[in-house]
N, C-alpha and C. Protein backbone atom coordinates (compact mmCIF):
# COMPACT_ATOMS: atom_id res chain seq x y z
N MET A 1 96.58 220.39 96.89
CA MET A 1 95.76 219.44 96.14
C MET A 1 96.06 218.04 96.63
N ASP A 2 95.02 217.28 96.83
CA ASP A 2 95.12 215.91 97.36
C ASP A 2 95.35 214.92 96.22
N GLN A 3 96.42 214.13 96.34
CA GLN A 3 96.72 213.11 95.32
C GLN A 3 96.21 211.77 95.83
N THR A 4 95.34 211.11 95.07
CA THR A 4 94.84 209.80 95.43
C THR A 4 95.63 208.74 94.69
N ASP A 5 96.04 207.73 95.42
CA ASP A 5 96.77 206.62 94.80
C ASP A 5 95.78 205.58 94.29
N PHE A 6 96.09 205.05 93.13
CA PHE A 6 95.31 203.97 92.55
C PHE A 6 96.19 202.74 92.45
N TYR A 7 95.63 201.59 92.79
CA TYR A 7 96.36 200.33 92.77
C TYR A 7 95.69 199.39 91.78
N PRO A 8 96.45 198.80 90.87
CA PRO A 8 95.85 197.86 89.90
C PRO A 8 95.32 196.61 90.60
N VAL A 9 94.21 196.11 90.08
CA VAL A 9 93.58 194.90 90.61
C VAL A 9 93.45 193.91 89.45
N LYS A 10 93.99 192.72 89.63
CA LYS A 10 93.96 191.68 88.60
C LYS A 10 93.28 190.43 89.15
N LEU A 11 92.67 189.67 88.25
CA LEU A 11 92.10 188.38 88.59
C LEU A 11 92.97 187.32 87.92
N TYR A 12 93.58 186.45 88.72
CA TYR A 12 94.35 185.33 88.19
C TYR A 12 93.42 184.14 88.07
N VAL A 13 93.36 183.55 86.89
CA VAL A 13 92.44 182.45 86.60
C VAL A 13 93.26 181.20 86.27
N TYR A 14 92.99 180.13 87.00
CA TYR A 14 93.68 178.85 86.83
C TYR A 14 92.66 177.78 86.42
N ASP A 15 93.05 176.89 85.53
CA ASP A 15 92.21 175.74 85.18
C ASP A 15 92.68 174.55 86.01
N LEU A 16 91.89 174.19 87.03
CA LEU A 16 92.26 173.07 87.90
C LEU A 16 92.35 171.75 87.15
N SER A 17 91.64 171.66 86.02
CA SER A 17 91.64 170.41 85.26
C SER A 17 92.83 170.31 84.29
N ARG A 18 93.56 171.41 84.15
CA ARG A 18 94.72 171.47 83.24
C ARG A 18 94.35 171.01 81.82
N GLY A 19 93.22 171.47 81.33
CA GLY A 19 92.79 171.17 79.98
C GLY A 19 91.86 169.97 79.83
N MET A 20 91.75 169.17 80.88
CA MET A 20 90.91 167.97 80.79
C MET A 20 89.43 168.30 80.68
N ALA A 21 88.99 169.37 81.32
CA ALA A 21 87.56 169.75 81.24
C ALA A 21 87.17 170.02 79.80
N ARG A 22 88.04 170.69 79.07
CA ARG A 22 87.75 171.01 77.67
C ARG A 22 87.60 169.73 76.85
N GLN A 23 88.42 168.74 77.15
CA GLN A 23 88.40 167.49 76.39
C GLN A 23 87.26 166.57 76.80
N LEU A 24 87.01 166.46 78.10
CA LEU A 24 86.07 165.45 78.60
C LEU A 24 84.64 165.95 78.83
N SER A 25 84.46 167.25 79.01
CA SER A 25 83.13 167.75 79.36
C SER A 25 82.05 167.46 78.31
N PRO A 26 82.34 167.51 77.00
CA PRO A 26 81.25 167.20 76.05
C PRO A 26 80.71 165.78 76.23
N VAL A 27 81.58 164.83 76.52
CA VAL A 27 81.16 163.44 76.70
C VAL A 27 80.49 163.26 78.06
N MET A 28 81.09 163.82 79.11
CA MET A 28 80.59 163.59 80.47
C MET A 28 79.36 164.43 80.81
N LEU A 29 79.35 165.69 80.35
CA LEU A 29 78.28 166.61 80.73
C LEU A 29 77.32 166.93 79.59
N GLY A 30 77.72 166.60 78.38
CA GLY A 30 76.87 166.94 77.24
C GLY A 30 76.99 168.40 76.84
N ARG A 31 77.98 169.10 77.36
CA ARG A 31 78.23 170.50 77.01
C ARG A 31 79.71 170.80 77.20
N GLN A 32 80.17 171.80 76.51
CA GLN A 32 81.58 172.17 76.55
C GLN A 32 81.88 173.08 77.74
N LEU A 33 82.83 172.68 78.57
CA LEU A 33 83.39 173.55 79.61
C LEU A 33 84.83 173.82 79.23
N ASP A 34 85.23 175.07 79.29
CA ASP A 34 86.61 175.40 78.91
C ASP A 34 87.60 175.14 80.03
N GLY A 35 87.11 175.01 81.27
CA GLY A 35 87.99 174.74 82.40
C GLY A 35 87.21 174.61 83.68
N ILE A 36 87.88 174.17 84.70
CA ILE A 36 87.36 174.16 86.07
C ILE A 36 88.16 175.26 86.78
N TRP A 37 87.53 176.39 86.99
CA TRP A 37 88.25 177.60 87.35
C TRP A 37 88.51 177.77 88.84
N HIS A 38 89.75 178.10 89.15
CA HIS A 38 90.15 178.59 90.47
C HIS A 38 90.62 180.02 90.24
N THR A 39 90.16 180.94 91.07
CA THR A 39 90.55 182.34 90.89
C THR A 39 91.16 182.92 92.15
N ALA A 40 91.92 183.97 91.93
CA ALA A 40 92.54 184.73 93.02
C ALA A 40 92.61 186.19 92.59
N VAL A 41 92.55 187.09 93.56
CA VAL A 41 92.66 188.52 93.30
C VAL A 41 94.08 188.96 93.65
N VAL A 42 94.69 189.68 92.72
CA VAL A 42 96.03 190.21 92.94
C VAL A 42 95.94 191.72 93.09
N VAL A 43 96.42 192.19 94.24
CA VAL A 43 96.44 193.62 94.55
C VAL A 43 97.53 193.84 95.60
N HIS A 44 98.11 195.01 95.60
CA HIS A 44 99.14 195.36 96.59
C HIS A 44 100.29 194.36 96.60
N GLY A 45 100.62 193.80 95.44
CA GLY A 45 101.78 192.92 95.32
C GLY A 45 101.59 191.51 95.85
N LYS A 46 100.34 191.13 96.17
CA LYS A 46 100.06 189.78 96.66
C LYS A 46 98.85 189.19 95.95
N GLU A 47 98.80 187.86 95.95
CA GLU A 47 97.68 187.11 95.40
C GLU A 47 96.86 186.58 96.57
N PHE A 48 95.56 186.86 96.58
CA PHE A 48 94.67 186.47 97.67
C PHE A 48 93.59 185.53 97.13
N PHE A 49 93.33 184.44 97.89
CA PHE A 49 92.34 183.46 97.45
C PHE A 49 91.75 182.75 98.66
N PHE A 50 90.59 182.13 98.42
CA PHE A 50 89.88 181.37 99.46
C PHE A 50 89.95 179.90 99.10
N SER A 51 90.25 179.09 100.12
CA SER A 51 90.33 177.64 99.92
C SER A 51 89.83 176.96 101.19
N GLY A 52 90.00 175.67 101.24
CA GLY A 52 89.63 174.91 102.43
C GLY A 52 90.47 175.25 103.65
N GLN A 53 91.47 176.11 103.46
CA GLN A 53 92.30 176.59 104.57
C GLN A 53 91.95 178.02 104.96
N GLY A 54 90.86 178.54 104.41
CA GLY A 54 90.49 179.93 104.69
C GLY A 54 91.05 180.86 103.63
N ILE A 55 91.21 182.14 104.00
CA ILE A 55 91.77 183.12 103.07
C ILE A 55 93.29 183.03 103.14
N ASN A 56 93.91 182.90 101.99
CA ASN A 56 95.35 182.75 101.91
C ASN A 56 95.94 183.79 100.98
N SER A 57 97.27 183.94 101.09
CA SER A 57 97.97 184.83 100.17
C SER A 57 99.31 184.21 99.79
N CYS A 58 99.83 184.66 98.67
CA CYS A 58 101.16 184.26 98.21
C CYS A 58 101.64 185.34 97.25
N SER A 59 102.86 185.22 96.80
CA SER A 59 103.32 186.15 95.77
C SER A 59 102.55 185.84 94.49
N PRO A 60 102.32 186.82 93.64
CA PRO A 60 101.56 186.58 92.41
C PRO A 60 102.14 185.43 91.58
N GLY A 61 101.28 184.46 91.28
CA GLY A 61 101.71 183.28 90.53
C GLY A 61 102.50 182.29 91.37
N GLY A 62 102.51 182.48 92.69
CA GLY A 62 103.35 181.68 93.57
C GLY A 62 102.68 180.49 94.23
N MET A 63 101.43 180.20 93.90
CA MET A 63 100.79 179.04 94.52
C MET A 63 101.16 177.76 93.77
N ALA A 64 100.81 176.64 94.33
CA ALA A 64 101.19 175.33 93.78
C ALA A 64 100.63 175.08 92.39
N LEU A 65 99.65 175.86 91.96
CA LEU A 65 99.05 175.68 90.64
C LEU A 65 99.93 176.22 89.51
N GLY A 66 101.01 176.90 89.87
CA GLY A 66 101.89 177.46 88.85
C GLY A 66 101.37 178.79 88.34
N GLN A 67 101.72 179.12 87.12
CA GLN A 67 101.29 180.39 86.53
C GLN A 67 99.82 180.31 86.11
N PRO A 68 99.08 181.42 86.21
CA PRO A 68 97.67 181.41 85.81
C PRO A 68 97.50 181.15 84.32
N ASP A 69 96.35 180.58 83.97
CA ASP A 69 96.01 180.36 82.57
C ASP A 69 95.68 181.68 81.88
N CYS A 70 95.11 182.61 82.63
CA CYS A 70 94.90 183.95 82.09
C CYS A 70 94.81 184.94 83.25
N ILE A 71 95.02 186.20 82.91
CA ILE A 71 94.94 187.29 83.88
C ILE A 71 93.94 188.30 83.35
N VAL A 72 92.94 188.62 84.18
CA VAL A 72 91.89 189.56 83.81
C VAL A 72 92.12 190.87 84.56
N ASP A 73 92.15 191.97 83.84
CA ASP A 73 92.30 193.29 84.46
C ASP A 73 90.93 193.71 85.00
N LEU A 74 90.84 193.86 86.31
CA LEU A 74 89.57 194.25 86.93
C LEU A 74 89.45 195.75 87.15
N GLY A 75 90.51 196.48 86.85
CA GLY A 75 90.50 197.92 87.06
C GLY A 75 91.49 198.30 88.14
N SER A 76 91.15 199.34 88.89
CA SER A 76 92.03 199.78 89.96
C SER A 76 91.20 200.15 91.18
N THR A 77 91.91 200.29 92.30
CA THR A 77 91.24 200.60 93.55
C THR A 77 91.98 201.73 94.26
N GLU A 78 91.26 202.45 95.08
CA GLU A 78 91.85 203.46 95.95
C GLU A 78 92.05 202.90 97.36
N VAL A 79 91.63 201.66 97.60
CA VAL A 79 91.72 201.07 98.92
C VAL A 79 93.18 200.76 99.24
N PRO A 80 93.75 201.39 100.27
CA PRO A 80 95.15 201.12 100.62
C PRO A 80 95.31 199.74 101.26
N ALA A 81 96.54 199.25 101.26
CA ALA A 81 96.84 197.91 101.76
C ALA A 81 96.37 197.69 103.19
N GLU A 82 96.52 198.68 104.06
CA GLU A 82 96.14 198.51 105.47
C GLU A 82 94.64 198.27 105.62
N ILE A 83 93.84 199.03 104.91
CA ILE A 83 92.38 198.87 104.99
C ILE A 83 91.97 197.55 104.34
N PHE A 84 92.61 197.20 103.23
CA PHE A 84 92.30 195.94 102.58
C PHE A 84 92.62 194.76 103.50
N THR A 85 93.72 194.84 104.22
CA THR A 85 94.10 193.77 105.16
C THR A 85 93.05 193.64 106.27
N GLU A 86 92.59 194.77 106.79
CA GLU A 86 91.54 194.74 107.83
C GLU A 86 90.26 194.10 107.29
N TYR A 87 89.91 194.45 106.05
CA TYR A 87 88.73 193.88 105.40
C TYR A 87 88.87 192.36 105.27
N LEU A 88 90.04 191.90 104.79
CA LEU A 88 90.27 190.46 104.64
C LEU A 88 90.22 189.72 105.97
N ILE A 89 90.78 190.31 107.00
CA ILE A 89 90.76 189.66 108.32
C ILE A 89 89.32 189.55 108.81
N SER A 90 88.51 190.58 108.59
CA SER A 90 87.10 190.49 109.02
C SER A 90 86.38 189.40 108.24
N LEU A 91 86.67 189.26 106.94
CA LEU A 91 86.06 188.18 106.15
C LEU A 91 86.54 186.81 106.64
N ALA A 92 87.83 186.71 106.97
CA ALA A 92 88.42 185.44 107.40
C ALA A 92 87.85 184.98 108.74
N GLU A 93 87.39 185.91 109.53
CA GLU A 93 86.83 185.57 110.84
C GLU A 93 85.33 185.33 110.78
N SER A 94 84.71 185.58 109.63
CA SER A 94 83.26 185.42 109.53
C SER A 94 82.88 184.60 108.30
N THR A 95 82.63 185.25 107.20
CA THR A 95 82.10 184.63 105.99
C THR A 95 83.03 183.63 105.34
N TYR A 96 84.34 183.86 105.44
CA TYR A 96 85.31 183.03 104.71
C TYR A 96 86.26 182.28 105.65
N ARG A 97 85.70 181.74 106.74
CA ARG A 97 86.47 180.82 107.59
C ARG A 97 86.64 179.51 106.83
N SER A 98 87.65 178.73 107.19
CA SER A 98 87.92 177.48 106.49
C SER A 98 86.72 176.52 106.54
N ASP A 99 85.98 176.53 107.64
CA ASP A 99 84.84 175.61 107.75
C ASP A 99 83.64 176.06 106.91
N LYS A 100 83.71 177.23 106.30
CA LYS A 100 82.62 177.72 105.46
C LYS A 100 82.83 177.35 103.98
N TYR A 101 84.00 176.76 103.66
CA TYR A 101 84.30 176.44 102.27
C TYR A 101 83.39 175.34 101.75
N ASN A 102 82.87 175.53 100.53
CA ASN A 102 82.09 174.51 99.84
C ASN A 102 82.41 174.63 98.36
N LEU A 103 82.80 173.52 97.75
CA LEU A 103 83.26 173.51 96.38
C LEU A 103 82.27 174.14 95.40
N PHE A 104 80.97 173.96 95.64
CA PHE A 104 79.97 174.51 94.72
C PHE A 104 79.42 175.86 95.14
N ASP A 105 79.13 176.02 96.41
CA ASP A 105 78.36 177.17 96.84
C ASP A 105 79.15 178.31 97.48
N HIS A 106 80.33 178.03 98.01
CA HIS A 106 81.10 179.07 98.74
C HIS A 106 82.58 178.79 98.54
N ASN A 107 83.08 179.16 97.36
CA ASN A 107 84.42 178.76 96.95
C ASN A 107 85.28 179.97 96.60
N CYS A 108 86.42 179.70 95.99
CA CYS A 108 87.35 180.75 95.61
C CYS A 108 86.73 181.78 94.68
N ASN A 109 85.86 181.35 93.79
CA ASN A 109 85.26 182.26 92.81
C ASN A 109 84.25 183.20 93.47
N VAL A 110 83.51 182.71 94.45
CA VAL A 110 82.59 183.55 95.21
C VAL A 110 83.40 184.61 95.96
N PHE A 111 84.50 184.18 96.57
CA PHE A 111 85.40 185.10 97.29
C PHE A 111 85.97 186.15 96.33
N SER A 112 86.52 185.70 95.21
CA SER A 112 87.13 186.64 94.26
C SER A 112 86.11 187.66 93.76
N ASN A 113 84.89 187.21 93.51
CA ASN A 113 83.84 188.11 93.04
C ASN A 113 83.52 189.17 94.10
N GLU A 114 83.40 188.74 95.36
CA GLU A 114 83.08 189.68 96.43
C GLU A 114 84.22 190.69 96.63
N VAL A 115 85.45 190.20 96.64
CA VAL A 115 86.61 191.07 96.84
C VAL A 115 86.77 192.04 95.67
N ALA A 116 86.56 191.55 94.44
CA ALA A 116 86.65 192.42 93.26
C ALA A 116 85.65 193.56 93.35
N GLN A 117 84.43 193.25 93.79
CA GLN A 117 83.40 194.28 93.90
C GLN A 117 83.74 195.27 95.00
N PHE A 118 84.31 194.78 96.12
CA PHE A 118 84.73 195.68 97.20
C PHE A 118 85.81 196.64 96.71
N LEU A 119 86.78 196.12 95.96
CA LEU A 119 87.92 196.93 95.53
C LEU A 119 87.61 197.85 94.36
N THR A 120 86.85 197.34 93.38
CA THR A 120 86.70 198.07 92.12
C THR A 120 85.27 198.38 91.72
N GLY A 121 84.30 197.71 92.35
CA GLY A 121 82.91 197.83 91.93
C GLY A 121 82.58 196.90 90.77
N ASN A 122 83.58 196.16 90.26
CA ASN A 122 83.38 195.26 89.13
C ASN A 122 83.29 193.81 89.58
N LYS A 123 82.44 193.05 88.89
CA LYS A 123 82.34 191.62 89.14
C LYS A 123 83.38 190.89 88.30
N ILE A 124 83.66 189.64 88.67
CA ILE A 124 84.53 188.82 87.85
C ILE A 124 83.70 188.27 86.69
N PRO A 125 84.33 187.79 85.62
CA PRO A 125 83.57 187.32 84.44
C PRO A 125 82.55 186.23 84.78
N SER A 126 81.40 186.32 84.11
CA SER A 126 80.30 185.39 84.39
C SER A 126 80.61 183.95 83.97
N TYR A 127 81.51 183.74 83.00
CA TYR A 127 81.85 182.37 82.63
C TYR A 127 82.49 181.64 83.81
N ILE A 128 83.03 182.39 84.77
CA ILE A 128 83.60 181.78 85.97
C ILE A 128 82.52 181.58 87.02
N THR A 129 81.73 182.61 87.29
CA THR A 129 80.72 182.51 88.35
C THR A 129 79.56 181.59 87.97
N ASP A 130 79.33 181.39 86.67
CA ASP A 130 78.23 180.52 86.21
C ASP A 130 78.62 179.05 86.11
N LEU A 131 79.89 178.73 86.31
CA LEU A 131 80.37 177.36 86.11
C LEU A 131 79.63 176.35 86.98
N THR A 132 79.44 176.65 88.24
CA THR A 132 78.77 175.73 89.16
C THR A 132 77.38 175.37 88.67
N SER A 133 76.59 176.38 88.31
CA SER A 133 75.22 176.08 87.86
C SER A 133 75.22 175.32 86.54
N GLU A 134 76.21 175.58 85.69
CA GLU A 134 76.32 174.82 84.43
C GLU A 134 76.55 173.34 84.70
N VAL A 135 77.47 173.04 85.61
CA VAL A 135 77.79 171.64 85.93
C VAL A 135 76.59 170.98 86.60
N LEU A 136 75.99 171.66 87.57
CA LEU A 136 74.89 171.06 88.33
C LEU A 136 73.60 170.94 87.53
N SER A 137 73.51 171.61 86.40
CA SER A 137 72.31 171.51 85.58
C SER A 137 72.31 170.25 84.72
N THR A 138 73.40 169.48 84.78
CA THR A 138 73.49 168.25 84.00
C THR A 138 73.22 167.04 84.89
N PRO A 139 72.72 165.94 84.33
CA PRO A 139 72.51 164.72 85.13
C PRO A 139 73.82 164.21 85.74
N PHE A 140 74.92 164.28 85.00
CA PHE A 140 76.20 163.81 85.51
C PHE A 140 76.67 164.69 86.68
N GLY A 141 76.48 166.00 86.54
CA GLY A 141 76.83 166.92 87.62
C GLY A 141 76.04 166.64 88.88
N GLN A 142 74.74 166.38 88.72
CA GLN A 142 73.90 166.05 89.87
C GLN A 142 74.35 164.73 90.52
N ALA A 143 74.71 163.78 89.70
CA ALA A 143 75.16 162.48 90.23
C ALA A 143 76.48 162.62 90.99
N LEU A 144 77.35 163.51 90.52
CA LEU A 144 78.65 163.69 91.16
C LEU A 144 78.61 164.60 92.38
N ARG A 145 77.54 165.37 92.55
CA ARG A 145 77.51 166.37 93.61
C ARG A 145 77.85 165.81 94.99
N PRO A 146 77.30 164.67 95.43
CA PRO A 146 77.66 164.19 96.77
C PRO A 146 79.18 163.97 96.93
N LEU A 147 79.81 163.44 95.90
CA LEU A 147 81.26 163.23 95.97
C LEU A 147 81.99 164.57 95.96
N LEU A 148 81.60 165.46 95.06
CA LEU A 148 82.28 166.74 94.92
C LEU A 148 82.06 167.66 96.12
N ASP A 149 80.90 167.53 96.78
CA ASP A 149 80.64 168.34 97.97
C ASP A 149 81.65 168.06 99.08
N SER A 150 82.20 166.87 99.09
CA SER A 150 83.15 166.52 100.15
C SER A 150 84.58 166.95 99.80
N MET A 151 84.79 167.43 98.58
CA MET A 151 86.13 167.84 98.15
C MET A 151 86.46 169.24 98.65
N VAL A 152 87.75 169.43 98.95
CA VAL A 152 88.25 170.73 99.38
C VAL A 152 89.48 171.03 98.53
N ILE A 153 89.55 172.24 98.02
CA ILE A 153 90.70 172.66 97.21
C ILE A 153 91.65 173.44 98.10
N ASN A 154 92.91 173.02 98.15
CA ASN A 154 93.93 173.69 98.94
C ASN A 154 95.19 173.90 98.08
N PRO A 155 95.24 175.01 97.33
CA PRO A 155 96.38 175.23 96.45
C PRO A 155 97.62 175.83 97.10
N GLY A 156 97.69 175.83 98.42
CA GLY A 156 98.87 176.35 99.10
C GLY A 156 98.68 177.80 99.52
N GLY A 157 99.78 178.48 99.77
CA GLY A 157 99.72 179.87 100.23
C GLY A 157 99.78 179.94 101.74
N ASN A 158 99.76 181.16 102.26
CA ASN A 158 99.83 181.40 103.69
C ASN A 158 98.51 181.97 104.16
N ASN A 159 97.95 181.36 105.21
CA ASN A 159 96.69 181.86 105.76
C ASN A 159 96.89 183.27 106.27
N ILE A 160 96.00 184.19 105.93
CA ILE A 160 96.20 185.59 106.28
C ILE A 160 96.04 185.85 107.78
N THR A 161 95.37 184.95 108.50
CA THR A 161 95.21 185.15 109.93
C THR A 161 96.29 184.41 110.72
N GLY A 162 97.19 183.73 110.00
CA GLY A 162 98.28 183.03 110.67
C GLY A 162 97.88 181.71 111.27
N GLN A 163 96.67 181.22 110.97
CA GLN A 163 96.20 179.96 111.56
C GLN A 163 96.58 178.80 110.67
C-alpha cells in the first residue's frame, strides 16, 4: 500500500502599517481598512514570499517584519519539497522576477494566492486580495497611486535563486 505524505500549508499575514491603517484609513480613504497586508506561504519548514528582490525565503516568522499578525491554515499539500523548489525557481525566472514586482498589481499577495492554489487548490482570503481595488477605488488612493507605484517592499529573506 502506498503512503502519501501530506505537508501543512500556512499563510502568514503581516500588517505593514502596524495598526496605522486601521486608525487612519477612515479619515484618509473614507472607509475602514484593517491593515496593509504582506503575505507569505509557509510550507516544508520555510516561509516563501515575493518582494522587490524576487522570490525569497526565510525561517517561519524570520523576516524583518517580526512575527505575523495572524496565521491562516490553507490546508495541506502532497507536493514534496523538491518539486515545490523546482516550481518556485521556474516562477522566479519568469512571472516573479524582481523586475516584475508592482505594489498594486503584482505583489506578495498575488504570489501567495498563486502558490496557495498550486499547493492546496485554495485561494488566500479575499480581504487580502481585494485590498488593492479597495484602496484604488477611493479618490485618495487614486491620487497616491503614482507615488505608491514607485514603492518596492523588501522585508528581507534570502532570494531562492541565489541572486
